[in-house]
């Protein structure tokens, strides 16, 4: 398994299904793209590959649920404020008549 680092990763273009094009435009570091010279995992600043391991999620579910509940409660409170202000305005209009 080989890894590749690029001078300009933004020059890579997505083609779908985790595939990319534009390797030459991105400027491969360490010579030609995907040759064994300088592209082995764990060398020249490249990461390593761990087969059979699971990647952890970068989302903190407890924090996300707490934020969602807070947002929902804020929405409910705002909705009640609008309802009450609408009722107050309706009362004011009725008092004038």
PDB file of N, CA and C in Angstrom:
ATOM      1  N   UNK A   1       0.856  -1.172   0.000  1.00  0.00           N
ATOM      2  CA  UNK A   1       0.000   0.000   0.000  1.00  0.00           C
ATOM      3  C   UNK A   1       0.901   1.234   0.000  1.00  0.00           C
ATOM      4  N   UNK A   2       0.606   2.184  -0.877  1.00  0.00           N
ATOM      5  CA  UNK A   2       1.378   3.410  -0.985  1.00  0.00           C
ATOM      6  C   UNK A   2       0.501   4.611  -0.657  1.00  0.00           C
ATOM      7  N   UNK A   3       1.130   5.661  -0.158  1.00  0.00           N
ATOM      8  CA  UNK A   3       0.461   6.927   0.116  1.00  0.00           C
ATOM      9  C   UNK A   3       1.126   8.013  -0.692  1.00  0.00           C
ATOM     10  N   UNK A   4       0.410   9.108  -0.941  1.00  0.00           N
ATOM     11  CA  UNK A   4       0.986  10.206  -1.717  1.00  0.00           C
ATOM     12  C   UNK A   4       0.609  11.529  -1.072  1.00  0.00           C
ATOM     13  N   UNK A   5       1.572  12.446  -1.000  1.00  0.00           N
ATOM     14  CA  UNK A   5       1.335  13.796  -0.515  1.00  0.00           C
ATOM     15  C   UNK A   5       1.509  14.744  -1.690  1.00  0.00           C
ATOM     16  N   UNK A   6       0.792  15.885  -1.676  1.00  0.00           N
ATOM     17  CA  UNK A   6       0.811  16.810  -2.809  1.00  0.00           C
ATOM     18  C   UNK A   6       1.114  18.227  -2.354  1.00  0.00           C
ATOM     19  N   UNK A   7       1.770  19.004  -3.240  1.00  0.00           N
ATOM     20  CA  UNK A   7       2.041  20.416  -2.965  1.00  0.00           C
ATOM     21  C   UNK A   7       0.752  21.227  -2.924  1.00  0.00           C
ATOM     22  N   UNK A   8      -0.196  20.908  -3.792  1.00  0.00           N
ATOM     23  CA  UNK A   8      -1.460  21.642  -3.891  1.00  0.00           C
ATOM     24  C   UNK A   8      -2.633  20.661  -3.932  1.00  0.00           C
ATOM     25  N   UNK A   9      -3.058  20.144  -2.770  1.00  0.00           N
ATOM     26  CA  UNK A   9      -4.153  19.172  -2.760  1.00  0.00           C
ATOM     27  C   UNK A   9      -5.456  19.728  -3.327  1.00  0.00           C
ATOM     28  N   UNK A  10      -5.624  21.055  -3.335  1.00  0.00           N
ATOM     29  CA  UNK A  10      -6.858  21.635  -3.872  1.00  0.00           C
ATOM     30  C   UNK A  10      -6.945  21.465  -5.391  1.00  0.00           C
ATOM     31  N   UNK A  11      -5.838  21.119  -6.050  1.00  0.00           N
ATOM     32  CA  UNK A  11      -5.856  20.899  -7.493  1.00  0.00           C
ATOM     33  C   UNK A  11      -6.435  19.530  -7.857  1.00  0.00           C
ATOM     34  N   UNK A  12      -6.580  18.656  -6.862  1.00  0.00           N
ATOM     35  CA  UNK A  12      -7.199  17.362  -7.116  1.00  0.00           C
ATOM     36  C   UNK A  12      -8.696  17.567  -7.343  1.00  0.00           C
ATOM     37  N   UNK A  13      -9.249  16.866  -8.313  1.00  0.00           N
ATOM     38  CA  UNK A  13     -10.676  16.989  -8.603  1.00  0.00           C
ATOM     39  C   UNK A  13     -11.371  15.660  -8.318  1.00  0.00           C
ATOM     40  N   UNK A  14     -12.524  15.752  -7.649  1.00  0.00           N
ATOM     41  CA  UNK A  14     -13.299  14.550  -7.318  1.00  0.00           C
ATOM     42  C   UNK A  14     -13.962  13.987  -8.570  1.00  0.00           C
ATOM     43  N   UNK A  15     -13.902  12.664  -8.684  1.00  0.00           N
ATOM     44  CA  UNK A  15     -14.615  12.000  -9.767  1.00  0.00           C
ATOM     45  C   UNK A  15     -15.720  11.107  -9.213  1.00  0.00           C
ATOM     46  N   UNK A  16     -15.835  11.019  -7.892  1.00  0.00           N
ATOM     47  CA  UNK A  16     -16.878  10.217  -7.256  1.00  0.00           C
ATOM     48  C   UNK A  16     -16.330   8.933  -6.672  1.00  0.00           C
ATOM     49  N   UNK A  17     -17.067   8.363  -5.726  1.00  0.00           N
ATOM     50  CA  UNK A  17     -16.698   7.095  -5.069  1.00  0.00           C
ATOM     51  C   UNK A  17     -15.285   7.128  -4.491  1.00  0.00           C
ATOM     52  N   UNK A  18     -14.911   8.239  -3.848  1.00  0.00           N
ATOM     53  CA  UNK A  18     -13.586   8.414  -3.244  1.00  0.00           C
ATOM     54  C   UNK A  18     -12.446   8.352  -4.261  1.00  0.00           C
ATOM     55  N   UNK A  19     -12.719   8.705  -5.505  1.00  0.00           N
ATOM     56  CA  UNK A  19     -11.698   8.730  -6.547  1.00  0.00           C
ATOM     57  C   UNK A  19     -11.407  10.172  -6.933  1.00  0.00           C
ATOM     58  N   UNK A  20     -10.142  10.434  -7.296  1.00  0.00           N
ATOM     59  CA  UNK A  20      -9.705  11.775  -7.667  1.00  0.00           C
ATOM     60  C   UNK A  20      -8.902  11.738  -8.959  1.00  0.00           C
ATOM     61  N   UNK A  21      -8.859  12.883  -9.656  1.00  0.00           N
ATOM     62  CA  UNK A  21      -8.026  13.101 -10.840  1.00  0.00           C
ATOM     63  C   UNK A  21      -7.183  14.351 -10.616  1.00  0.00           C
ATOM     64  N   UNK A  22      -6.286  14.628 -11.541  1.00  0.00           N
ATOM     65  CA  UNK A  22      -5.477  15.840 -11.479  1.00  0.00           C
ATOM     66  C   UNK A  22      -4.225  15.688 -10.640  1.00  0.00           C
ATOM     67  N   UNK A  23      -3.661  14.499 -10.608  1.00  0.00           N
ATOM     68  CA  UNK A  23      -2.490  14.243  -9.777  1.00  0.00           C
ATOM     69  C   UNK A  23      -1.286  15.068 -10.204  1.00  0.00           C
ATOM     70  N   UNK A  24      -1.061  15.199 -11.509  1.00  0.00           N
ATOM     71  CA  UNK A  24       0.089  15.965 -11.990  1.00  0.00           C
ATOM     72  C   UNK A  24      -0.071  17.448 -11.657  1.00  0.00           C
ATOM     73  N   UNK A  25      -1.282  17.973 -11.789  1.00  0.00           N
ATOM     74  CA  UNK A  25      -1.529  19.387 -11.490  1.00  0.00           C
ATOM     75  C   UNK A  25      -1.352  19.678 -10.003  1.00  0.00           C
ATOM     76  N   UNK A  26      -1.600  18.693  -9.155  1.00  0.00           N
ATOM     77  CA  UNK A  26      -1.477  18.886  -7.712  1.00  0.00           C
ATOM     78  C   UNK A  26      -0.021  18.861  -7.257  1.00  0.00           C
ATOM     79  N   UNK A  27       0.876  18.399  -8.084  1.00  0.00           N
ATOM     80  CA  UNK A  27       2.301  18.393  -7.765  1.00  0.00           C
ATOM     81  C   UNK A  27       2.676  17.376  -6.711  1.00  0.00           C
ATOM     82  N   UNK A  28       2.799  16.112  -7.095  1.00  0.00           N
ATOM     83  CA  UNK A  28       3.137  15.083  -6.114  1.00  0.00           C
ATOM     84  C   UNK A  28       4.498  15.343  -5.469  1.00  0.00           C
ATOM     85  N   UNK A  29       4.546  15.212  -4.159  1.00  0.00           N
ATOM     86  CA  UNK A  29       5.799  15.373  -3.409  1.00  0.00           C
ATOM     87  C   UNK A  29       6.508  14.024  -3.401  1.00  0.00           C
ATOM     88  N   UNK A  30       7.784  14.035  -3.651  1.00  0.00           N
ATOM     89  CA  UNK A  30       8.561  12.797  -3.624  1.00  0.00           C
ATOM     90  C   UNK A  30       8.651  12.128  -4.973  1.00  0.00           C
ATOM     91  N   UNK A  31       8.503  12.886  -6.032  1.00  0.00           N
ATOM     92  CA  UNK A  31       8.655  12.302  -7.353  1.00  0.00           C
ATOM     93  C   UNK A  31       7.329  11.953  -7.982  1.00  0.00           C
ATOM     94  N   UNK A  32       7.360  10.946  -8.822  1.00  0.00           N
ATOM     95  CA  UNK A  32       6.151  10.533  -9.545  1.00  0.00           C
ATOM     96  C   UNK A  32       5.098  10.017  -8.573  1.00  0.00           C
ATOM     97  N   UNK A  33       3.874  10.212  -8.959  1.00  0.00           N
ATOM     98  CA  UNK A  33       2.770   9.770  -8.110  1.00  0.00           C
ATOM     99  C   UNK A  33       2.791   8.262  -7.923  1.00  0.00           C
ATOM    100  N   UNK A  34       2.653   7.853  -6.695  1.00  0.00           N
ATOM    101  CA  UNK A  34       2.492   6.454  -6.307  1.00  0.00           C
ATOM    102  C   UNK A  34       3.594   5.526  -6.810  1.00  0.00           C
ATOM    103  N   UNK A  35       4.823   5.925  -6.530  1.00  0.00           N
ATOM    104  CA  UNK A  35       5.945   5.010  -6.713  1.00  0.00           C
ATOM    105  C   UNK A  35       6.502   4.697  -5.333  1.00  0.00           C
ATOM    106  N   UNK A  36       7.241   3.632  -5.206  1.00  0.00           N
ATOM    107  CA  UNK A  36       7.747   3.225  -3.897  1.00  0.00           C
ATOM    108  C   UNK A  36       8.814   4.165  -3.362  1.00  0.00           C
ATOM    109  N   UNK A  37       9.321   5.075  -4.185  1.00  0.00           N
ATOM    110  CA  UNK A  37      10.336   6.018  -3.734  1.00  0.00           C
ATOM    111  C   UNK A  37       9.693   7.109  -2.895  1.00  0.00           C
ATOM    112  N   UNK A  38       9.860   7.057  -1.584  1.00  0.00           N
ATOM    113  CA  UNK A  38       9.388   8.094  -0.683  1.00  0.00           C
ATOM    114  C   UNK A  38       7.897   8.087  -0.419  1.00  0.00           C
ATOM    115  N   UNK A  39       7.179   7.049  -0.822  1.00  0.00           N
ATOM    116  CA  UNK A  39       5.734   7.027  -0.637  1.00  0.00           C
ATOM    117  C   UNK A  39       5.245   5.869   0.221  1.00  0.00           C
ATOM    118  N   UNK A  40       6.154   5.259   0.943  1.00  0.00           N
ATOM    119  CA  UNK A  40       5.751   4.177   1.834  1.00  0.00           C
ATOM    120  C   UNK A  40       5.102   4.755   3.086  1.00  0.00           C
ATOM    121  N   UNK A  41       4.081   4.105   3.621  1.00  0.00           N
ATOM    122  CA  UNK A  41       3.432   4.590   4.847  1.00  0.00           C
ATOM    123  C   UNK A  41       4.440   4.741   5.978  1.00  0.00           C
ATOM    124  N   UNK A  42       4.312   5.837   6.724  1.00  0.00           N
ATOM    125  CA  UNK A  42       5.196   6.081   7.862  1.00  0.00           C
ATOM    126  C   UNK A  42       6.509   6.744   7.502  1.00  0.00           C
ATOM    127  N   UNK A  43       6.713   7.111   6.226  1.00  0.00           N
ATOM    128  CA  UNK A  43       7.947   7.783   5.822  1.00  0.00           C
ATOM    129  C   UNK A  43       7.619   9.150   5.238  1.00  0.00           C
ATOM    130  N   UNK A  44       8.568  10.064   5.314  1.00  0.00           N
ATOM    131  CA  UNK A  44       8.446  11.405   4.720  1.00  0.00           C
ATOM    132  C   UNK A  44       7.175  12.146   5.147  1.00  0.00           C
ATOM    133  N   UNK A  45       6.800  12.000   6.388  1.00  0.00           N
ATOM    134  CA  UNK A  45       5.639  12.712   6.909  1.00  0.00           C
ATOM    135  C   UNK A  45       4.299  12.118   6.526  1.00  0.00           C
ATOM    136  N   UNK A  46       4.302  10.969   5.876  1.00  0.00           N
ATOM    137  CA  UNK A  46       3.044  10.305   5.529  1.00  0.00           C
ATOM    138  C   UNK A  46       2.558   9.491   6.722  1.00  0.00           C
ATOM    139  N   UNK A  47       1.281   9.324   6.818  1.00  0.00           N
ATOM    140  CA  UNK A  47       0.695   8.557   7.918  1.00  0.00           C
ATOM    141  C   UNK A  47       0.943   7.074   7.754  1.00  0.00           C
ATOM    142  N   UNK A  48       0.410   6.324   8.689  1.00  0.00           N
ATOM    143  CA  UNK A  48       0.540   4.870   8.610  1.00  0.00           C
ATOM    144  C   UNK A  48      -0.832   4.269   8.343  1.00  0.00           C
ATOM    145  N   UNK A  49      -0.824   3.020   7.952  1.00  0.00           N
ATOM    146  CA  UNK A  49      -2.064   2.304   7.651  1.00  0.00           C
ATOM    147  C   UNK A  49      -2.212   1.188   8.665  1.00  0.00           C
ATOM    148  N   UNK A  50      -3.377   1.128   9.300  1.00  0.00           N
ATOM    149  CA  UNK A  50      -3.652   0.062  10.258  1.00  0.00           C
ATOM    150  C   UNK A  50      -4.825  -0.756   9.733  1.00  0.00           C
ATOM    151  N   UNK A  51      -4.535  -1.908   9.217  1.00  0.00           N
ATOM    152  CA  UNK A  51      -5.579  -2.762   8.663  1.00  0.00           C
ATOM    153  C   UNK A  51      -6.430  -3.351   9.783  1.00  0.00           C
ATOM    154  N   UNK A  52      -7.705  -3.477   9.527  1.00  0.00           N
ATOM    155  CA  UNK A  52      -8.612  -4.123  10.469  1.00  0.00           C
ATOM    156  C   UNK A  52      -9.013  -3.270  11.658  1.00  0.00           C
ATOM    157  N   UNK A  53      -8.674  -1.987  11.645  1.00  0.00           N
ATOM    158  CA  UNK A  53      -9.043  -1.124  12.763  1.00  0.00           C
ATOM    159  C   UNK A  53     -10.242  -0.279  12.369  1.00  0.00           C
ATOM    160  N   UNK A  54     -10.987   0.157  13.374  1.00  0.00           N
ATOM    161  CA  UNK A  54     -12.158   1.000  13.132  1.00  0.00           C
ATOM    162  C   UNK A  54     -11.811   2.447  13.402  1.00  0.00           C
ATOM    163  N   UNK A  55     -12.333   3.331  12.589  1.00  0.00           N
ATOM    164  CA  UNK A  55     -12.113   4.755  12.783  1.00  0.00           C
ATOM    165  C   UNK A  55     -13.215   5.296  13.681  1.00  0.00           C
ATOM    166  N   UNK A  56     -12.815   6.052  14.681  1.00  0.00           N
ATOM    167  CA  UNK A  56     -13.791   6.640  15.592  1.00  0.00           C
ATOM    168  C   UNK A  56     -14.433   7.857  14.947  1.00  0.00           C
ATOM    169  N   UNK A  57     -15.645   8.109  15.347  1.00  0.00           N
ATOM    170  CA  UNK A  57     -16.349   9.284  14.853  1.00  0.00           C
ATOM    171  C   UNK A  57     -15.743  10.527  15.478  1.00  0.00           C
ATOM    172  N   UNK A  58     -15.733  11.630  14.749  1.00  0.00           N
ATOM    173  CA  UNK A  58     -15.227  12.881  15.291  1.00  0.00           C
ATOM    174  C   UNK A  58     -16.365  13.742  15.831  1.00  0.00           C
ATOM    175  N   UNK A  59     -17.532  13.120  16.049  1.00  0.00           N
ATOM    176  CA  UNK A  59     -18.702  13.831  16.561  1.00  0.00           C
ATOM    177  C   UNK A  59     -18.951  13.390  18.002  1.00  0.00           C
ATOM    178  N   UNK A  60     -19.112  14.368  18.886  1.00  0.00           N
ATOM    179  CA  UNK A  60     -19.452  14.083  20.276  1.00  0.00           C
ATOM    180  C   UNK A  60     -20.972  14.065  20.380  1.00  0.00           C
ATOM    181  N   UNK A  61     -21.558  12.861  20.449  1.00  0.00           N
ATOM    182  CA  UNK A  61     -23.010  12.737  20.418  1.00  0.00           C
ATOM    183  C   UNK A  61     -23.685  13.437  21.589  1.00  0.00           C
ATOM    184  N   UNK A  62     -23.101  13.351  22.779  1.00  0.00           N
ATOM    185  CA  UNK A  62     -23.729  13.996  23.938  1.00  0.00           C
ATOM    186  C   UNK A  62     -23.790  15.502  23.741  1.00  0.00           C
ATOM    187  N   UNK A  63     -22.735  16.071  23.218  1.00  0.00           N
ATOM    188  CA  UNK A  63     -22.715  17.509  22.966  1.00  0.00           C
ATOM    189  C   UNK A  63     -23.732  17.890  21.894  1.00  0.00           C
ATOM    190  N   UNK A  64     -23.821  17.087  20.838  1.00  0.00           N
ATOM    191  CA  UNK A  64     -24.758  17.371  19.760  1.00  0.00           C
ATOM    192  C   UNK A  64     -26.207  17.261  20.236  1.00  0.00           C
ATOM    193  N   UNK A  65     -26.503  16.240  21.056  1.00  0.00           N
ATOM    194  CA  UNK A  65     -27.858  16.114  21.592  1.00  0.00           C
ATOM    195  C   UNK A  65     -28.190  17.265  22.530  1.00  0.00           C
ATOM    196  N   UNK A  66     -27.226  17.663  23.363  1.00  0.00           N
ATOM    197  CA  UNK A  66     -27.457  18.795  24.262  1.00  0.00           C
ATOM    198  C   UNK A  66     -27.716  20.070  23.468  1.00  0.00           C
ATOM    199  N   UNK A  67     -26.946  20.290  22.404  1.00  0.00           N
ATOM    200  CA  UNK A  67     -27.158  21.467  21.550  1.00  0.00           C
ATOM    201  C   UNK A  67     -28.524  21.410  20.870  1.00  0.00           C
ATOM    202  N   UNK A  68     -28.925  20.213  20.436  1.00  0.00           N
ATOM    203  CA  UNK A  68     -30.214  20.060  19.769  1.00  0.00           C
ATOM    204  C   UNK A  68     -31.364  20.347  20.744  1.00  0.00           C
ATOM    205  N   UNK A  69     -31.256  19.859  21.974  1.00  0.00           N
ATOM    206  CA  UNK A  69     -32.297  20.105  22.975  1.00  0.00           C
ATOM    207  C   UNK A  69     -32.358  21.585  23.312  1.00  0.00           C
ATOM    208  N   UNK A  70     -31.198  22.221  23.464  1.00  0.00           N
ATOM    209  CA  UNK A  70     -31.163  23.658  23.748  1.00  0.00           C
ATOM    210  C   UNK A  70     -31.807  24.451  22.618  1.00  0.00           C
ATOM    211  N   UNK A  71     -31.501  24.090  21.390  1.00  0.00           N
ATOM    212  CA  UNK A  71     -32.085  24.771  20.236  1.00  0.00           C
ATOM    213  C   UNK A  71     -33.591  24.562  20.184  1.00  0.00           C
ATOM    214  N   UNK A  72     -34.028  23.342  20.463  1.00  0.00           N
ATOM    215  CA  UNK A  72     -35.463  23.062  20.457  1.00  0.00           C
ATOM    216  C   UNK A  72     -36.186  23.868  21.533  1.00  0.00           C
ATOM    217  N   UNK A  73     -35.603  23.940  22.730  1.00  0.00           N
ATOM    218  CA  UNK A  73     -36.214  24.711  23.817  1.00  0.00           C
ATOM    219  C   UNK A  73     -36.242  26.203  23.468  1.00  0.00           C
ATOM    220  N   UNK A  74     -35.187  26.693  22.847  1.00  0.00           N
ATOM    221  CA  UNK A  74     -35.157  28.103  22.433  1.00  0.00           C
ATOM    222  C   UNK A  74     -36.239  28.383  21.401  1.00  0.00           C
ATOM    223  N   UNK A  75     -36.418  27.460  20.464  1.00  0.00           N
ATOM    224  CA  UNK A  75     -37.454  27.625  19.456  1.00  0.00           C
ATOM    225  C   UNK A  75     -38.835  27.646  20.111  1.00  0.00           C
ATOM    226  N   UNK A  76     -39.069  26.728  21.065  1.00  0.00           N
ATOM    227  CA  UNK A  76     -40.353  26.692  21.759  1.00  0.00           C
ATOM    228  C   UNK A  76     -40.607  27.992  22.516  1.00  0.00           C
ATOM    229  N   UNK A  77     -39.575  28.493  23.201  1.00  0.00           N
ATOM    230  CA  UNK A  77     -39.722  29.740  23.957  1.00  0.00           C
ATOM    231  C   UNK A  77     -40.015  30.907  23.011  1.00  0.00           C
ATOM    232  N   UNK A  78     -39.317  30.968  21.892  1.00  0.00           N
ATOM    233  CA  UNK A  78     -39.547  32.040  20.916  1.00  0.00           C
ATOM    234  C   UNK A  78     -40.956  31.947  20.349  1.00  0.00           C
ATOM    235  N   UNK A  79     -41.409  30.747  20.103  1.00  0.00           N
ATOM    236  CA  UNK A  79     -42.753  30.545  19.583  1.00  0.00           C
ATOM    237  C   UNK A  79     -43.794  31.026  20.581  1.00  0.00           C
ATOM    238  N   UNK A  80     -43.579  30.755  21.869  1.00  0.00           N
ATOM    239  CA  UNK A  80     -44.512  31.211  22.897  1.00  0.00           C
ATOM    240  C   UNK A  80     -44.502  32.731  23.016  1.00  0.00           C
ATOM    241  N   UNK A  81     -43.333  33.339  22.895  1.00  0.00           N
ATOM    242  CA  UNK A  81     -43.245  34.801  22.957  1.00  0.00           C
ATOM    243  C   UNK A  81     -44.052  35.417  21.817  1.00  0.00           C
ATOM    244  N   UNK A  82     -43.931  34.853  20.633  1.00  0.00           N
ATOM    245  CA  UNK A  82     -44.674  35.375  19.483  1.00  0.00           C
ATOM    246  C   UNK A  82     -46.171  35.189  19.699  1.00  0.00           C
ATOM    247  N   UNK A  83     -46.578  34.040  20.221  1.00  0.00           N
ATOM    248  CA  UNK A  83     -47.997  33.789  20.481  1.00  0.00           C
ATOM    249  C   UNK A  83     -48.545  34.779  21.499  1.00  0.00           C
ATOM    250  N   UNK A  84     -47.813  34.998  22.589  1.00  0.00           N
ATOM    251  CA  UNK A  84     -48.265  35.928  23.630  1.00  0.00           C
ATOM    252  C   UNK A  84     -48.305  37.357  23.094  1.00  0.00           C
ATOM    253  N   UNK A  85     -47.296  37.762  22.343  1.00  0.00           N
ATOM    254  CA  UNK A  85     -47.295  39.126  21.803  1.00  0.00           C
ATOM    255  C   UNK A  85     -48.442  39.312  20.815  1.00  0.00           C
ATOM    256  N   UNK A  86     -48.766  38.278  20.045  1.00  0.00           N
ATOM    257  CA  UNK A  86     -49.897  38.338  19.129  1.00  0.00           C
ATOM    258  C   UNK A  86     -51.209  38.500  19.899  1.00  0.00           C
ATOM    259  N   UNK A  87     -51.337  37.763  21.003  1.00  0.00           N
ATOM    260  CA  UNK A  87     -52.541  37.874  21.831  1.00  0.00           C
ATOM    261  C   UNK A  87     -52.658  39.262  22.460  1.00  0.00           C
ATOM    262  N   UNK A  88     -51.515  39.806  22.920  1.00  0.00           N
ATOM    263  CA  UNK A  88     -51.520  41.139  23.521  1.00  0.00           C
ATOM    264  C   UNK A  88     -51.934  42.177  22.483  1.00  0.00           C
ATOM    265  N   UNK A  89     -51.375  42.089  21.282  1.00  0.00           N
ATOM    266  CA  UNK A  89     -51.737  43.037  20.224  1.00  0.00           C
ATOM    267  C   UNK A  89     -53.218  42.904  19.859  1.00  0.00           C
ATOM    268  N   UNK A  90     -53.714  41.699  19.857  1.00  0.00           N
ATOM    269  CA  UNK A  90     -55.132  41.484  19.562  1.00  0.00           C
ATOM    270  C   UNK A  90     -56.010  42.137  20.641  1.00  0.00           C
ATOM    271  N   UNK A  91     -55.591  42.002  21.898  1.00  0.00           N
ATOM    272  CA  UNK A  91     -56.332  42.648  23.006  1.00  0.00           C
ATOM    273  C   UNK A  91     -56.313  44.162  22.874  1.00  0.00           C
ATOM    274  N   UNK A  92     -55.177  44.710  22.500  1.00  0.00           N
ATOM    275  CA  UNK A  92     -55.047  46.161  22.331  1.00  0.00           C
ATOM    276  C   UNK A  92     -55.966  46.655  21.225  1.00  0.00           C
ATOM    277  N   UNK A  93     -56.013  45.926  20.124  1.00  0.00           N
ATOM    278  CA  UNK A  93     -56.891  46.307  19.013  1.00  0.00           C
ATOM    279  C   UNK A  93     -58.348  46.219  19.471  1.00  0.00           C
ATOM    280  N   UNK A  94     -58.704  45.200  20.234  1.00  0.00           N
ATOM    281  CA  UNK A  94     -60.074  45.052  20.714  1.00  0.00           C
ATOM    282  C   UNK A  94     -60.454  46.134  21.707  1.00  0.00           C
ATOM    283  N   UNK A  95     -59.493  46.618  22.510  1.00  0.00           N
ATOM    284  CA  UNK A  95     -59.773  47.695  23.466  1.00  0.00           C
ATOM    285  C   UNK A  95     -60.099  48.999  22.756  1.00  0.00           C
ATOM    286  N   UNK A  96     -59.473  49.228  21.627  1.00  0.00           N
ATOM    287  CA  UNK A  96     -59.670  50.468  20.886  1.00  0.00           C
ATOM    288  C   UNK A  96     -61.074  50.549  20.310  1.00  0.00           C
ATOM    289  N   UNK A  97     -61.670  49.434  19.966  1.00  0.00           N
ATOM    290  CA  UNK A  97     -62.999  49.426  19.339  1.00  0.00           C
ATOM    291  C   UNK A  97     -64.000  49.548  20.382  1.00  0.00           C
TER     292      UNK A  97
END
